[in-house]
């Protein structure tokens, strides 16, 4: 059995960073159905651990501040 090596600088949080970025860009689009987008993220986040949810919140805050 081979062990996977993660060469991403964000490590295990790369996927969460991508989810956060996609979420923020989607809700910032003109005419976006924000309620639907939030619901879809909540459904997706049910699969995450508490630690991953907390990290996702931090990453969403980061992107909200950086994307104007």
PDB file of N, CA and C in Angstrom:
ATOM      1  N   UNK A   1       0.844  -1.170   0.000  1.00  0.00           N
ATOM      2  CA  UNK A   1       0.000   0.000   0.000  1.00  0.00           C
ATOM      3  C   UNK A   1       0.892   1.237   0.000  1.00  0.00           C
ATOM      4  N   UNK A   2       0.692   2.118  -0.961  1.00  0.00           N
ATOM      5  CA  UNK A   2       1.507   3.320  -1.029  1.00  0.00           C
ATOM      6  C   UNK A   2       0.842   4.451  -0.250  1.00  0.00           C
ATOM      7  N   UNK A   3       1.667   5.270   0.311  1.00  0.00           N
ATOM      8  CA  UNK A   3       1.171   6.395   1.100  1.00  0.00           C
ATOM      9  C   UNK A   3       1.159   7.641   0.224  1.00  0.00           C
ATOM     10  N   UNK A   4       0.063   8.382   0.253  1.00  0.00           N
ATOM     11  CA  UNK A   4      -0.045   9.604  -0.532  1.00  0.00           C
ATOM     12  C   UNK A   4       0.725  10.724   0.146  1.00  0.00           C
ATOM     13  N   UNK A   5       1.365  11.518  -0.651  1.00  0.00           N
ATOM     14  CA  UNK A   5       2.105  12.666  -0.141  1.00  0.00           C
ATOM     15  C   UNK A   5       1.406  13.914  -0.643  1.00  0.00           C
ATOM     16  N   UNK A   6       1.095  14.798   0.268  1.00  0.00           N
ATOM     17  CA  UNK A   6       0.422  16.037  -0.095  1.00  0.00           C
ATOM     18  C   UNK A   6       1.475  17.131  -0.227  1.00  0.00           C
ATOM     19  N   UNK A   7       1.695  17.590  -1.450  1.00  0.00           N
ATOM     20  CA  UNK A   7       2.710  18.605  -1.704  1.00  0.00           C
ATOM     21  C   UNK A   7       2.127  20.016  -1.683  1.00  0.00           C
ATOM     22  N   UNK A   8       0.879  20.147  -1.388  1.00  0.00           N
ATOM     23  CA  UNK A   8       0.229  21.449  -1.361  1.00  0.00           C
ATOM     24  C   UNK A   8       0.686  22.231  -0.130  1.00  0.00           C
ATOM     25  N   UNK A   9       1.001  23.518  -0.284  1.00  0.00           N
ATOM     26  CA  UNK A   9       1.430  24.300   0.877  1.00  0.00           C
ATOM     27  C   UNK A   9       0.336  24.454   1.938  1.00  0.00           C
ATOM     28  N   UNK A  10      -0.924  24.332   1.528  1.00  0.00           N
ATOM     29  CA  UNK A  10      -2.013  24.423   2.494  1.00  0.00           C
ATOM     30  C   UNK A  10      -2.263  23.090   3.188  1.00  0.00           C
ATOM     31  N   UNK A  11      -1.637  22.050   2.700  1.00  0.00           N
ATOM     32  CA  UNK A  11      -1.776  20.734   3.320  1.00  0.00           C
ATOM     33  C   UNK A  11      -3.188  20.218   3.240  1.00  0.00           C
ATOM     34  N   UNK A  12      -3.658  19.704   4.366  1.00  0.00           N
ATOM     35  CA  UNK A  12      -4.974  19.071   4.394  1.00  0.00           C
ATOM     36  C   UNK A  12      -6.116  20.064   4.217  1.00  0.00           C
ATOM     37  N   UNK A  13      -5.839  21.347   4.350  1.00  0.00           N
ATOM     38  CA  UNK A  13      -6.913  22.341   4.270  1.00  0.00           C
ATOM     39  C   UNK A  13      -7.107  22.912   2.868  1.00  0.00           C
ATOM     40  N   UNK A  14      -6.387  22.363   1.896  1.00  0.00           N
ATOM     41  CA  UNK A  14      -6.516  22.870   0.536  1.00  0.00           C
ATOM     42  C   UNK A  14      -7.944  22.727   0.016  1.00  0.00           C
ATOM     43  N   UNK A  15      -8.557  21.580   0.244  1.00  0.00           N
ATOM     44  CA  UNK A  15      -9.924  21.356  -0.220  1.00  0.00           C
ATOM     45  C   UNK A  15     -10.877  22.340   0.464  1.00  0.00           C
ATOM     46  N   UNK A  16     -10.672  22.570   1.752  1.00  0.00           N
ATOM     47  CA  UNK A  16     -11.529  23.512   2.468  1.00  0.00           C
ATOM     48  C   UNK A  16     -11.340  24.932   1.953  1.00  0.00           C
ATOM     49  N   UNK A  17     -10.111  25.278   1.615  1.00  0.00           N
ATOM     50  CA  UNK A  17      -9.835  26.607   1.074  1.00  0.00           C
ATOM     51  C   UNK A  17     -10.559  26.787  -0.254  1.00  0.00           C
ATOM     52  N   UNK A  18     -10.580  25.756  -1.048  1.00  0.00           N
ATOM     53  CA  UNK A  18     -11.267  25.816  -2.337  1.00  0.00           C
ATOM     54  C   UNK A  18     -12.781  25.951  -2.141  1.00  0.00           C
ATOM     55  N   UNK A  19     -13.330  25.217  -1.191  1.00  0.00           N
ATOM     56  CA  UNK A  19     -14.761  25.306  -0.888  1.00  0.00           C
ATOM     57  C   UNK A  19     -15.102  26.727  -0.427  1.00  0.00           C
ATOM     58  N   UNK A  20     -14.281  27.286   0.445  1.00  0.00           N
ATOM     59  CA  UNK A  20     -14.510  28.637   0.960  1.00  0.00           C
ATOM     60  C   UNK A  20     -14.442  29.667  -0.166  1.00  0.00           C
ATOM     61  N   UNK A  21     -13.443  29.546  -1.031  1.00  0.00           N
ATOM     62  CA  UNK A  21     -13.291  30.482  -2.148  1.00  0.00           C
ATOM     63  C   UNK A  21     -14.498  30.410  -3.085  1.00  0.00           C
ATOM     64  N   UNK A  22     -14.893  29.203  -3.440  1.00  0.00           N
ATOM     65  CA  UNK A  22     -16.043  29.033  -4.334  1.00  0.00           C
ATOM     66  C   UNK A  22     -17.317  29.595  -3.709  1.00  0.00           C
ATOM     67  N   UNK A  23     -17.483  29.396  -2.410  1.00  0.00           N
ATOM     68  CA  UNK A  23     -18.661  29.894  -1.696  1.00  0.00           C
ATOM     69  C   UNK A  23     -18.709  31.421  -1.747  1.00  0.00           C
ATOM     70  N   UNK A  24     -17.590  32.052  -1.413  1.00  0.00           N
ATOM     71  CA  UNK A  24     -17.555  33.520  -1.363  1.00  0.00           C
ATOM     72  C   UNK A  24     -17.753  34.113  -2.752  1.00  0.00           C
ATOM     73  N   UNK A  25     -17.120  33.555  -3.757  1.00  0.00           N
ATOM     74  CA  UNK A  25     -17.304  34.085  -5.108  1.00  0.00           C
ATOM     75  C   UNK A  25     -18.742  33.883  -5.589  1.00  0.00           C
ATOM     76  N   UNK A  26     -19.360  32.788  -5.194  1.00  0.00           N
ATOM     77  CA  UNK A  26     -20.747  32.529  -5.612  1.00  0.00           C
ATOM     78  C   UNK A  26     -21.717  33.514  -4.972  1.00  0.00           C
ATOM     79  N   UNK A  27     -21.545  33.807  -3.685  1.00  0.00           N
ATOM     80  CA  UNK A  27     -22.486  34.728  -3.029  1.00  0.00           C
ATOM     81  C   UNK A  27     -22.231  36.176  -3.426  1.00  0.00           C
ATOM     82  N   UNK A  28     -21.049  36.473  -3.954  1.00  0.00           N
ATOM     83  CA  UNK A  28     -20.729  37.837  -4.374  1.00  0.00           C
ATOM     84  C   UNK A  28     -21.232  38.151  -5.785  1.00  0.00           C
ATOM     85  N   UNK A  29     -21.630  37.120  -6.539  1.00  0.00           N
ATOM     86  CA  UNK A  29     -22.107  37.350  -7.900  1.00  0.00           C
ATOM     87  C   UNK A  29     -23.432  38.090  -7.861  1.00  0.00           C
ATOM     88  N   UNK A  30     -23.598  38.966  -8.815  1.00  0.00           N
ATOM     89  CA  UNK A  30     -24.840  39.725  -8.917  1.00  0.00           C
ATOM     90  C   UNK A  30     -26.002  38.779  -9.213  1.00  0.00           C
ATOM     91  N   UNK A  31     -27.069  38.915  -8.460  1.00  0.00           N
ATOM     92  CA  UNK A  31     -28.256  38.094  -8.664  1.00  0.00           C
ATOM     93  C   UNK A  31     -28.157  36.698  -8.093  1.00  0.00           C
ATOM     94  N   UNK A  32     -27.175  36.466  -7.241  1.00  0.00           N
ATOM     95  CA  UNK A  32     -26.982  35.132  -6.667  1.00  0.00           C
ATOM     96  C   UNK A  32     -28.105  34.798  -5.692  1.00  0.00           C
ATOM     97  N   UNK A  33     -28.510  33.546  -5.701  1.00  0.00           N
ATOM     98  CA  UNK A  33     -29.504  33.059  -4.757  1.00  0.00           C
ATOM     99  C   UNK A  33     -28.747  32.652  -3.483  1.00  0.00           C
ATOM    100  N   UNK A  34     -28.532  33.630  -2.603  1.00  0.00           N
ATOM    101  CA  UNK A  34     -27.677  33.450  -1.434  1.00  0.00           C
ATOM    102  C   UNK A  34     -28.235  32.373  -0.502  1.00  0.00           C
ATOM    103  N   UNK A  35     -29.531  32.333  -0.320  1.00  0.00           N
ATOM    104  CA  UNK A  35     -30.125  31.322   0.556  1.00  0.00           C
ATOM    105  C   UNK A  35     -29.832  29.911   0.052  1.00  0.00           C
ATOM    106  N   UNK A  36     -29.941  29.710  -1.249  1.00  0.00           N
ATOM    107  CA  UNK A  36     -29.675  28.399  -1.836  1.00  0.00           C
ATOM    108  C   UNK A  36     -28.198  28.036  -1.683  1.00  0.00           C
ATOM    109  N   UNK A  37     -27.320  28.997  -1.907  1.00  0.00           N
ATOM    110  CA  UNK A  37     -25.876  28.752  -1.802  1.00  0.00           C
ATOM    111  C   UNK A  37     -25.504  28.398  -0.363  1.00  0.00           C
ATOM    112  N   UNK A  38     -26.064  29.122   0.597  1.00  0.00           N
ATOM    113  CA  UNK A  38     -25.787  28.837   2.012  1.00  0.00           C
ATOM    114  C   UNK A  38     -26.312  27.457   2.402  1.00  0.00           C
ATOM    115  N   UNK A  39     -27.486  27.107   1.912  1.00  0.00           N
ATOM    116  CA  UNK A  39     -28.056  25.796   2.206  1.00  0.00           C
ATOM    117  C   UNK A  39     -27.171  24.681   1.644  1.00  0.00           C
ATOM    118  N   UNK A  40     -26.715  24.853   0.415  1.00  0.00           N
ATOM    119  CA  UNK A  40     -25.857  23.838  -0.200  1.00  0.00           C
ATOM    120  C   UNK A  40     -24.548  23.677   0.568  1.00  0.00           C
ATOM    121  N   UNK A  41     -23.981  24.793   1.043  1.00  0.00           N
ATOM    122  CA  UNK A  41     -22.761  24.702   1.835  1.00  0.00           C
ATOM    123  C   UNK A  41     -23.029  24.004   3.164  1.00  0.00           C
ATOM    124  N   UNK A  42     -24.150  24.307   3.788  1.00  0.00           N
ATOM    125  CA  UNK A  42     -24.493  23.663   5.058  1.00  0.00           C
ATOM    126  C   UNK A  42     -24.655  22.157   4.885  1.00  0.00           C
ATOM    127  N   UNK A  43     -25.279  21.742   3.798  1.00  0.00           N
ATOM    128  CA  UNK A  43     -25.435  20.311   3.523  1.00  0.00           C
ATOM    129  C   UNK A  43     -24.081  19.646   3.294  1.00  0.00           C
ATOM    130  N   UNK A  44     -23.228  20.333   2.578  1.00  0.00           N
ATOM    131  CA  UNK A  44     -21.889  19.791   2.316  1.00  0.00           C
ATOM    132  C   UNK A  44     -21.068  19.717   3.596  1.00  0.00           C
ATOM    133  N   UNK A  45     -21.223  20.712   4.463  1.00  0.00           N
ATOM    134  CA  UNK A  45     -20.431  20.786   5.698  1.00  0.00           C
ATOM    135  C   UNK A  45     -20.857  19.729   6.715  1.00  0.00           C
ATOM    136  N   UNK A  46     -22.009  19.125   6.552  1.00  0.00           N
ATOM    137  CA  UNK A  46     -22.445  18.073   7.478  1.00  0.00           C
ATOM    138  C   UNK A  46     -21.482  16.893   7.472  1.00  0.00           C
ATOM    139  N   UNK A  47     -20.770  16.705   6.364  1.00  0.00           N
ATOM    140  CA  UNK A  47     -19.835  15.594   6.234  1.00  0.00           C
ATOM    141  C   UNK A  47     -18.490  15.893   6.901  1.00  0.00           C
ATOM    142  N   UNK A  48     -18.252  17.153   7.242  1.00  0.00           N
ATOM    143  CA  UNK A  48     -16.971  17.554   7.809  1.00  0.00           C
ATOM    144  C   UNK A  48     -16.937  17.335   9.318  1.00  0.00           C
ATOM    145  N   UNK A  49     -15.732  17.208   9.856  1.00  0.00           N
ATOM    146  CA  UNK A  49     -15.565  17.126  11.306  1.00  0.00           C
ATOM    147  C   UNK A  49     -15.700  18.526  11.888  1.00  0.00           C
ATOM    148  N   UNK A  50     -15.803  18.617  13.216  1.00  0.00           N
ATOM    149  CA  UNK A  50     -15.898  19.921  13.868  1.00  0.00           C
ATOM    150  C   UNK A  50     -14.668  20.771  13.580  1.00  0.00           C
ATOM    151  N   UNK A  51     -13.515  20.147  13.579  1.00  0.00           N
ATOM    152  CA  UNK A  51     -12.267  20.876  13.299  1.00  0.00           C
ATOM    153  C   UNK A  51     -12.282  21.436  11.873  1.00  0.00           C
ATOM    154  N   UNK A  52     -12.747  20.639  10.934  1.00  0.00           N
ATOM    155  CA  UNK A  52     -12.814  21.092   9.541  1.00  0.00           C
ATOM    156  C   UNK A  52     -13.829  22.215   9.387  1.00  0.00           C
ATOM    157  N   UNK A  53     -14.947  22.135  10.098  1.00  0.00           N
ATOM    158  CA  UNK A  53     -15.946  23.213  10.025  1.00  0.00           C
ATOM    159  C   UNK A  53     -15.387  24.525  10.567  1.00  0.00           C
ATOM    160  N   UNK A  54     -14.649  24.433  11.669  1.00  0.00           N
ATOM    161  CA  UNK A  54     -14.039  25.637  12.226  1.00  0.00           C
ATOM    162  C   UNK A  54     -13.026  26.240  11.265  1.00  0.00           C
ATOM    163  N   UNK A  55     -12.213  25.398  10.640  1.00  0.00           N
ATOM    164  CA  UNK A  55     -11.235  25.875   9.663  1.00  0.00           C
ATOM    165  C   UNK A  55     -11.945  26.479   8.465  1.00  0.00           C
ATOM    166  N   UNK A  56     -13.053  25.878   8.040  1.00  0.00           N
ATOM    167  CA  UNK A  56     -13.824  26.412   6.919  1.00  0.00           C
ATOM    168  C   UNK A  56     -14.351  27.802   7.243  1.00  0.00           C
ATOM    169  N   UNK A  57     -14.829  28.000   8.459  1.00  0.00           N
ATOM    170  CA  UNK A  57     -15.302  29.327   8.867  1.00  0.00           C
ATOM    171  C   UNK A  57     -14.176  30.356   8.776  1.00  0.00           C
ATOM    172  N   UNK A  58     -12.992  29.974   9.259  1.00  0.00           N
ATOM    173  CA  UNK A  58     -11.832  30.874   9.194  1.00  0.00           C
ATOM    174  C   UNK A  58     -11.491  31.220   7.745  1.00  0.00           C
ATOM    175  N   UNK A  59     -11.518  30.222   6.888  1.00  0.00           N
ATOM    176  CA  UNK A  59     -11.171  30.445   5.485  1.00  0.00           C
ATOM    177  C   UNK A  59     -12.220  31.303   4.776  1.00  0.00           C
ATOM    178  N   UNK A  60     -13.488  31.130   5.115  1.00  0.00           N
ATOM    179  CA  UNK A  60     -14.543  31.970   4.537  1.00  0.00           C
ATOM    180  C   UNK A  60     -14.321  33.413   4.953  1.00  0.00           C
ATOM    181  N   UNK A  61     -13.987  33.637   6.220  1.00  0.00           N
ATOM    182  CA  UNK A  61     -13.702  34.995   6.693  1.00  0.00           C
ATOM    183  C   UNK A  61     -12.528  35.591   5.927  1.00  0.00           C
ATOM    184  N   UNK A  62     -11.493  34.786   5.710  1.00  0.00           N
ATOM    185  CA  UNK A  62     -10.318  35.246   4.969  1.00  0.00           C
ATOM    186  C   UNK A  62     -10.718  35.694   3.572  1.00  0.00           C
ATOM    187  N   UNK A  63     -11.516  34.889   2.886  1.00  0.00           N
ATOM    188  CA  UNK A  63     -11.905  35.233   1.520  1.00  0.00           C
ATOM    189  C   UNK A  63     -12.877  36.385   1.484  1.00  0.00           C
ATOM    190  N   UNK A  64     -13.755  36.509   2.480  1.00  0.00           N
ATOM    191  CA  UNK A  64     -14.666  37.644   2.517  1.00  0.00           C
ATOM    192  C   UNK A  64     -13.902  38.960   2.642  1.00  0.00           C
ATOM    193  N   UNK A  65     -12.811  38.935   3.388  1.00  0.00           N
ATOM    194  CA  UNK A  65     -11.989  40.134   3.554  1.00  0.00           C
ATOM    195  C   UNK A  65     -11.148  40.424   2.314  1.00  0.00           C
ATOM    196  N   UNK A  66     -10.709  39.367   1.617  1.00  0.00           N
ATOM    197  CA  UNK A  66      -9.792  39.559   0.486  1.00  0.00           C
ATOM    198  C   UNK A  66     -10.483  39.769  -0.850  1.00  0.00           C
ATOM    199  N   UNK A  67     -11.723  39.321  -0.993  1.00  0.00           N
ATOM    200  CA  UNK A  67     -12.438  39.492  -2.256  1.00  0.00           C
ATOM    201  C   UNK A  67     -13.455  40.602  -2.068  1.00  0.00           C
ATOM    202  N   UNK A  68     -13.254  41.653  -2.784  1.00  0.00           N
ATOM    203  CA  UNK A  68     -14.156  42.813  -2.657  1.00  0.00           C
ATOM    204  C   UNK A  68     -15.014  42.939  -3.874  1.00  0.00           C
TER     205      UNK A  68
END
